Amino acid sequence: MTLYISTAHQEEIKLALIKQGKIIFSREFSAPRLQSEKLLPEIDRLLKKAKLKLKDLKKIKIADGGGSFTSLRIGVLTANALAYALGIPIETESGAQPKKKQGVMVAEPQYDRGPNIG
């Protein structure tokens, strides 16, 4: 089972559970400036809806490009943390290969512009 996470747009979160290339459960919802607060509880809800546990995940796929600096970081960092904690591979939507950093494979956000902080 693959967990797909997209926080590429700062106003929403997209989640899906994919089995053998087919989406079996998905959820898309508005989360303006609340992605960091809503992402993990919504992943938990999605898994419960599918009657699955985190240990049932075999891979995480992350939307790693487009969108705002902060929203991308929220999704990518959450995906990296889950993949590391579960000992499963991470894959990027863009096809960019995860890199080994301090012995751990991590996906990196693909920013199309610098941060707009101010």
N, C-alpha and C. Protein backbone atom coordinates (compact mmCIF):
# COMPACT_ATOMS: atom_id res chain seq x y z
N MET A 1 0.85 -1.16 0.00
CA MET A 1 0.00 0.00 0.00
C MET A 1 0.91 1.24 0.00
N THR A 2 0.60 2.18 -0.86
CA THR A 2 1.36 3.42 -0.95
C THR A 2 0.52 4.57 -0.43
N LEU A 3 1.11 5.41 0.40
CA LEU A 3 0.46 6.64 0.86
C LEU A 3 0.97 7.79 0.00
N TYR A 4 0.05 8.51 -0.66
CA TYR A 4 0.40 9.68 -1.46
C TYR A 4 0.05 10.92 -0.65
N ILE A 5 0.98 11.87 -0.61
CA ILE A 5 0.79 13.12 0.12
C ILE A 5 1.11 14.28 -0.81
N SER A 6 0.19 15.26 -0.86
CA SER A 6 0.47 16.49 -1.59
C SER A 6 0.06 17.69 -0.75
N THR A 7 1.03 18.52 -0.45
CA THR A 7 0.78 19.81 0.19
C THR A 7 1.36 20.90 -0.70
N ALA A 8 1.43 20.62 -2.01
CA ALA A 8 2.07 21.53 -2.95
C ALA A 8 1.32 22.86 -3.06
N HIS A 9 0.06 22.86 -2.73
CA HIS A 9 -0.72 24.10 -2.77
C HIS A 9 -1.01 24.53 -1.34
N GLN A 10 -0.70 25.78 -1.04
CA GLN A 10 -0.78 26.23 0.35
C GLN A 10 -2.19 26.24 0.92
N GLU A 11 -3.19 26.09 0.08
CA GLU A 11 -4.57 26.14 0.55
C GLU A 11 -5.19 24.76 0.77
N GLU A 12 -4.50 23.67 0.35
CA GLU A 12 -5.15 22.36 0.45
C GLU A 12 -4.15 21.23 0.70
N ILE A 13 -4.74 20.11 1.06
CA ILE A 13 -3.99 18.87 1.24
C ILE A 13 -4.70 17.80 0.43
N LYS A 14 -3.90 16.98 -0.26
CA LYS A 14 -4.43 15.83 -0.98
C LYS A 14 -3.74 14.59 -0.43
N LEU A 15 -4.54 13.58 -0.11
CA LEU A 15 -4.03 12.31 0.38
C LEU A 15 -4.67 11.18 -0.40
N ALA A 16 -3.95 10.10 -0.58
CA ALA A 16 -4.53 8.93 -1.24
C ALA A 16 -3.81 7.68 -0.77
N LEU A 17 -4.54 6.59 -0.79
CA LEU A 17 -3.97 5.28 -0.57
C LEU A 17 -4.05 4.55 -1.90
N ILE A 18 -2.92 4.06 -2.36
CA ILE A 18 -2.82 3.45 -3.69
C ILE A 18 -2.36 2.01 -3.54
N LYS A 19 -3.09 1.11 -4.20
CA LYS A 19 -2.73 -0.31 -4.19
C LYS A 19 -2.66 -0.79 -5.64
N GLN A 20 -1.52 -1.31 -6.03
CA GLN A 20 -1.28 -1.81 -7.37
C GLN A 20 -1.67 -0.78 -8.44
N GLY A 21 -1.29 0.47 -8.20
CA GLY A 21 -1.50 1.54 -9.16
C GLY A 21 -2.90 2.14 -9.16
N LYS A 22 -3.79 1.66 -8.32
CA LYS A 22 -5.16 2.17 -8.28
C LYS A 22 -5.42 2.86 -6.94
N ILE A 23 -6.07 4.02 -7.02
CA ILE A 23 -6.44 4.73 -5.79
C ILE A 23 -7.62 4.01 -5.16
N ILE A 24 -7.45 3.59 -3.91
CA ILE A 24 -8.54 2.91 -3.23
C ILE A 24 -9.27 3.82 -2.23
N PHE A 25 -8.57 4.80 -1.70
CA PHE A 25 -9.17 5.82 -0.85
C PHE A 25 -8.44 7.12 -1.12
N SER A 26 -9.17 8.22 -1.11
CA SER A 26 -8.51 9.52 -1.26
C SER A 26 -9.28 10.57 -0.48
N ARG A 27 -8.59 11.64 -0.22
CA ARG A 27 -9.19 12.76 0.51
C ARG A 27 -8.49 14.02 0.04
N GLU A 28 -9.27 15.03 -0.24
CA GLU A 28 -8.75 16.35 -0.62
C GLU A 28 -9.56 17.38 0.14
N PHE A 29 -8.87 18.30 0.80
CA PHE A 29 -9.60 19.28 1.61
C PHE A 29 -8.82 20.57 1.76
N SER A 30 -9.55 21.60 2.09
CA SER A 30 -8.98 22.92 2.29
C SER A 30 -8.27 22.96 3.64
N ALA A 31 -7.12 23.59 3.66
CA ALA A 31 -6.35 23.74 4.90
C ALA A 31 -5.50 25.00 4.81
N PRO A 32 -6.14 26.16 4.60
CA PRO A 32 -5.35 27.38 4.45
C PRO A 32 -4.53 27.69 5.71
N ARG A 33 -3.22 27.68 5.53
CA ARG A 33 -2.26 27.96 6.60
C ARG A 33 -2.38 27.02 7.80
N LEU A 34 -2.96 25.85 7.59
CA LEU A 34 -3.13 24.88 8.66
C LEU A 34 -2.60 23.50 8.28
N GLN A 35 -1.82 23.43 7.23
CA GLN A 35 -1.36 22.13 6.76
C GLN A 35 -0.56 21.38 7.81
N SER A 36 0.31 22.08 8.51
CA SER A 36 1.15 21.40 9.51
C SER A 36 0.30 20.85 10.65
N GLU A 37 -0.81 21.49 10.94
CA GLU A 37 -1.68 21.03 12.03
C GLU A 37 -2.61 19.91 11.60
N LYS A 38 -3.00 19.90 10.34
CA LYS A 38 -4.01 18.95 9.87
C LYS A 38 -3.45 17.70 9.20
N LEU A 39 -2.22 17.74 8.71
CA LEU A 39 -1.71 16.66 7.89
C LEU A 39 -1.69 15.30 8.59
N LEU A 40 -1.03 15.19 9.72
CA LEU A 40 -0.94 13.89 10.40
C LEU A 40 -2.29 13.38 10.90
N PRO A 41 -3.15 14.21 11.51
CA PRO A 41 -4.47 13.70 11.89
C PRO A 41 -5.29 13.22 10.70
N GLU A 42 -5.14 13.87 9.55
CA GLU A 42 -5.90 13.45 8.37
C GLU A 42 -5.34 12.15 7.77
N ILE A 43 -4.03 11.96 7.85
CA ILE A 43 -3.45 10.68 7.43
C ILE A 43 -4.02 9.57 8.31
N ASP A 44 -4.08 9.81 9.60
CA ASP A 44 -4.64 8.84 10.53
C ASP A 44 -6.09 8.53 10.18
N ARG A 45 -6.89 9.56 9.89
CA ARG A 45 -8.30 9.36 9.51
C ARG A 45 -8.43 8.52 8.24
N LEU A 46 -7.59 8.82 7.26
CA LEU A 46 -7.63 8.09 6.00
C LEU A 46 -7.30 6.62 6.22
N LEU A 47 -6.28 6.36 7.01
CA LEU A 47 -5.92 4.96 7.30
C LEU A 47 -7.04 4.24 8.04
N LYS A 48 -7.66 4.92 8.99
CA LYS A 48 -8.77 4.30 9.74
C LYS A 48 -9.94 4.01 8.80
N LYS A 49 -10.23 4.92 7.89
CA LYS A 49 -11.32 4.72 6.93
C LYS A 49 -11.06 3.47 6.09
N ALA A 50 -9.80 3.25 5.74
CA ALA A 50 -9.41 2.09 4.94
C ALA A 50 -9.15 0.85 5.81
N LYS A 51 -9.33 1.00 7.11
CA LYS A 51 -9.07 -0.09 8.06
C LYS A 51 -7.62 -0.59 7.96
N LEU A 52 -6.71 0.37 7.89
CA LEU A 52 -5.28 0.07 7.81
C LEU A 52 -4.55 0.74 8.95
N LYS A 53 -3.33 0.28 9.17
CA LYS A 53 -2.44 0.89 10.16
C LYS A 53 -1.18 1.37 9.43
N LEU A 54 -0.42 2.21 10.09
CA LEU A 54 0.82 2.71 9.48
C LEU A 54 1.71 1.56 9.03
N LYS A 55 1.75 0.48 9.79
CA LYS A 55 2.62 -0.65 9.45
C LYS A 55 2.21 -1.33 8.14
N ASP A 56 1.00 -1.06 7.64
CA ASP A 56 0.54 -1.64 6.37
C ASP A 56 1.10 -0.89 5.17
N LEU A 57 1.67 0.29 5.39
CA LEU A 57 2.23 1.06 4.28
C LEU A 57 3.56 0.45 3.84
N LYS A 58 3.74 0.38 2.54
CA LYS A 58 4.97 -0.17 1.97
C LYS A 58 5.82 0.89 1.27
N LYS A 59 5.21 2.06 1.02
CA LYS A 59 5.94 3.14 0.34
C LYS A 59 5.16 4.44 0.56
N ILE A 60 5.89 5.56 0.50
CA ILE A 60 5.27 6.87 0.53
C ILE A 60 5.67 7.61 -0.73
N LYS A 61 4.68 8.23 -1.36
CA LYS A 61 4.93 9.04 -2.55
C LYS A 61 4.55 10.47 -2.21
N ILE A 62 5.45 11.41 -2.53
CA ILE A 62 5.25 12.80 -2.15
C ILE A 62 5.27 13.72 -3.36
N ALA A 63 4.33 14.67 -3.37
CA ALA A 63 4.37 15.74 -4.37
C ALA A 63 5.47 16.69 -3.91
N ASP A 64 6.54 16.78 -4.70
CA ASP A 64 7.73 17.50 -4.26
C ASP A 64 8.01 18.78 -5.02
N GLY A 65 7.10 19.22 -5.88
CA GLY A 65 7.36 20.43 -6.66
C GLY A 65 6.14 21.31 -6.79
N GLY A 66 6.41 22.57 -7.19
CA GLY A 66 5.33 23.55 -7.33
C GLY A 66 4.88 24.07 -5.98
N GLY A 67 4.00 25.00 -5.99
CA GLY A 67 3.44 25.49 -4.74
C GLY A 67 4.38 26.37 -3.94
N SER A 68 3.96 26.64 -2.73
CA SER A 68 4.72 27.55 -1.88
C SER A 68 5.85 26.84 -1.16
N PHE A 69 6.84 27.60 -0.77
CA PHE A 69 8.01 27.11 -0.06
C PHE A 69 7.59 26.35 1.20
N THR A 70 6.78 26.98 2.04
CA THR A 70 6.40 26.39 3.32
C THR A 70 5.53 25.17 3.15
N SER A 71 4.54 25.23 2.27
CA SER A 71 3.65 24.08 2.11
C SER A 71 4.39 22.86 1.59
N LEU A 72 5.31 23.06 0.67
CA LEU A 72 6.12 21.93 0.18
C LEU A 72 6.95 21.33 1.31
N ARG A 73 7.57 22.17 2.10
CA ARG A 73 8.40 21.67 3.20
C ARG A 73 7.58 20.85 4.19
N ILE A 74 6.36 21.27 4.47
CA ILE A 74 5.51 20.54 5.41
C ILE A 74 5.27 19.12 4.91
N GLY A 75 4.87 19.00 3.66
CA GLY A 75 4.58 17.68 3.11
C GLY A 75 5.81 16.81 2.98
N VAL A 76 6.88 17.36 2.45
CA VAL A 76 8.10 16.58 2.22
C VAL A 76 8.72 16.14 3.55
N LEU A 77 8.78 17.03 4.50
CA LEU A 77 9.37 16.66 5.80
C LEU A 77 8.53 15.61 6.52
N THR A 78 7.21 15.74 6.44
CA THR A 78 6.33 14.74 7.06
C THR A 78 6.51 13.38 6.38
N ALA A 79 6.56 13.38 5.05
CA ALA A 79 6.76 12.13 4.30
C ALA A 79 8.10 11.50 4.64
N ASN A 80 9.15 12.30 4.71
CA ASN A 80 10.47 11.78 5.07
C ASN A 80 10.46 11.18 6.48
N ALA A 81 9.83 11.85 7.41
CA ALA A 81 9.78 11.36 8.79
C ALA A 81 9.02 10.04 8.88
N LEU A 82 7.89 9.96 8.19
CA LEU A 82 7.11 8.71 8.20
C LEU A 82 7.89 7.57 7.55
N ALA A 83 8.49 7.84 6.40
CA ALA A 83 9.26 6.81 5.70
C ALA A 83 10.41 6.31 6.58
N TYR A 84 11.09 7.22 7.22
CA TYR A 84 12.20 6.84 8.11
C TYR A 84 11.70 6.01 9.29
N ALA A 85 10.64 6.49 9.94
CA ALA A 85 10.13 5.81 11.13
C ALA A 85 9.60 4.41 10.79
N LEU A 86 9.01 4.26 9.61
CA LEU A 86 8.43 2.98 9.21
C LEU A 86 9.42 2.08 8.48
N GLY A 87 10.58 2.65 8.11
CA GLY A 87 11.59 1.88 7.38
C GLY A 87 11.14 1.49 5.98
N ILE A 88 10.41 2.41 5.32
CA ILE A 88 9.91 2.14 3.97
C ILE A 88 10.47 3.18 2.99
N PRO A 89 10.47 2.85 1.70
CA PRO A 89 11.02 3.80 0.73
C PRO A 89 10.10 5.00 0.50
N ILE A 90 10.72 6.07 0.04
CA ILE A 90 9.99 7.28 -0.33
C ILE A 90 10.25 7.54 -1.81
N GLU A 91 9.22 7.99 -2.50
CA GLU A 91 9.29 8.26 -3.93
C GLU A 91 8.73 9.66 -4.18
N THR A 92 9.32 10.37 -5.13
CA THR A 92 8.83 11.72 -5.44
C THR A 92 7.95 11.70 -6.68
N GLU A 93 7.00 12.59 -6.71
CA GLU A 93 6.10 12.70 -7.85
C GLU A 93 6.85 13.18 -9.10
N SER A 94 7.86 14.02 -8.91
CA SER A 94 8.62 14.57 -10.03
C SER A 94 9.58 13.57 -10.65
N GLY A 95 9.86 12.50 -9.93
CA GLY A 95 10.83 11.52 -10.40
C GLY A 95 12.24 11.79 -9.90
N ALA A 96 12.42 12.89 -9.16
CA ALA A 96 13.73 13.18 -8.56
C ALA A 96 14.07 12.07 -7.57
N GLN A 97 15.29 11.58 -7.64
CA GLN A 97 15.70 10.48 -6.77
C GLN A 97 15.98 10.97 -5.36
N PRO A 98 15.43 10.29 -4.35
CA PRO A 98 15.79 10.62 -2.97
C PRO A 98 17.30 10.51 -2.80
N LYS A 99 17.86 11.32 -1.92
CA LYS A 99 19.30 11.34 -1.69
C LYS A 99 19.62 10.76 -0.32
N LYS A 100 20.79 10.16 -0.23
CA LYS A 100 21.23 9.62 1.04
C LYS A 100 21.90 10.72 1.85
N LYS A 101 21.35 10.98 3.01
CA LYS A 101 21.93 11.99 3.91
C LYS A 101 22.06 11.36 5.29
N GLN A 102 23.27 11.31 5.77
CA GLN A 102 23.59 10.70 7.06
C GLN A 102 23.01 9.30 7.16
N GLY A 103 23.11 8.55 6.06
CA GLY A 103 22.68 7.16 6.03
C GLY A 103 21.20 6.94 5.83
N VAL A 104 20.44 8.02 5.59
CA VAL A 104 18.99 7.92 5.44
C VAL A 104 18.60 8.47 4.07
N MET A 105 17.71 7.77 3.36
CA MET A 105 17.22 8.26 2.08
C MET A 105 16.12 9.29 2.33
N VAL A 106 16.29 10.48 1.75
CA VAL A 106 15.31 11.55 1.93
C VAL A 106 14.96 12.19 0.59
N ALA A 107 13.69 12.56 0.47
CA ALA A 107 13.23 13.33 -0.69
C ALA A 107 13.49 14.80 -0.38
N GLU A 108 13.73 15.57 -1.43
CA GLU A 108 13.95 17.01 -1.25
C GLU A 108 12.91 17.77 -2.04
N PRO A 109 12.41 18.88 -1.50
CA PRO A 109 11.46 19.70 -2.25
C PRO A 109 12.14 20.29 -3.49
N GLN A 110 11.39 20.44 -4.55
CA GLN A 110 11.88 21.05 -5.80
C GLN A 110 11.23 22.43 -5.90
N TYR A 111 11.91 23.44 -5.36
CA TYR A 111 11.33 24.78 -5.33
C TYR A 111 11.44 25.45 -6.70
N ASP A 112 10.36 26.10 -7.10
CA ASP A 112 10.42 26.83 -8.37
C ASP A 112 10.68 28.31 -8.14
N ARG A 113 10.79 28.71 -6.87
CA ARG A 113 11.12 30.08 -6.51
C ARG A 113 11.60 30.10 -5.06
N GLY A 114 12.22 31.18 -4.67
CA GLY A 114 12.69 31.32 -3.30
C GLY A 114 11.54 31.60 -2.35
N PRO A 115 11.81 31.51 -1.04
CA PRO A 115 10.75 31.78 -0.08
C PRO A 115 10.35 33.24 -0.10
N ASN A 116 9.06 33.48 0.15
CA ASN A 116 8.53 34.84 0.25
C ASN A 116 8.15 35.07 1.70
N ILE A 117 9.13 35.49 2.47
CA ILE A 117 8.92 35.68 3.89
C ILE A 117 8.82 37.18 4.16
N GLY A 118 7.75 37.56 4.76
CA GLY A 118 7.65 38.98 5.06
C GLY A 118 6.30 39.48 5.34
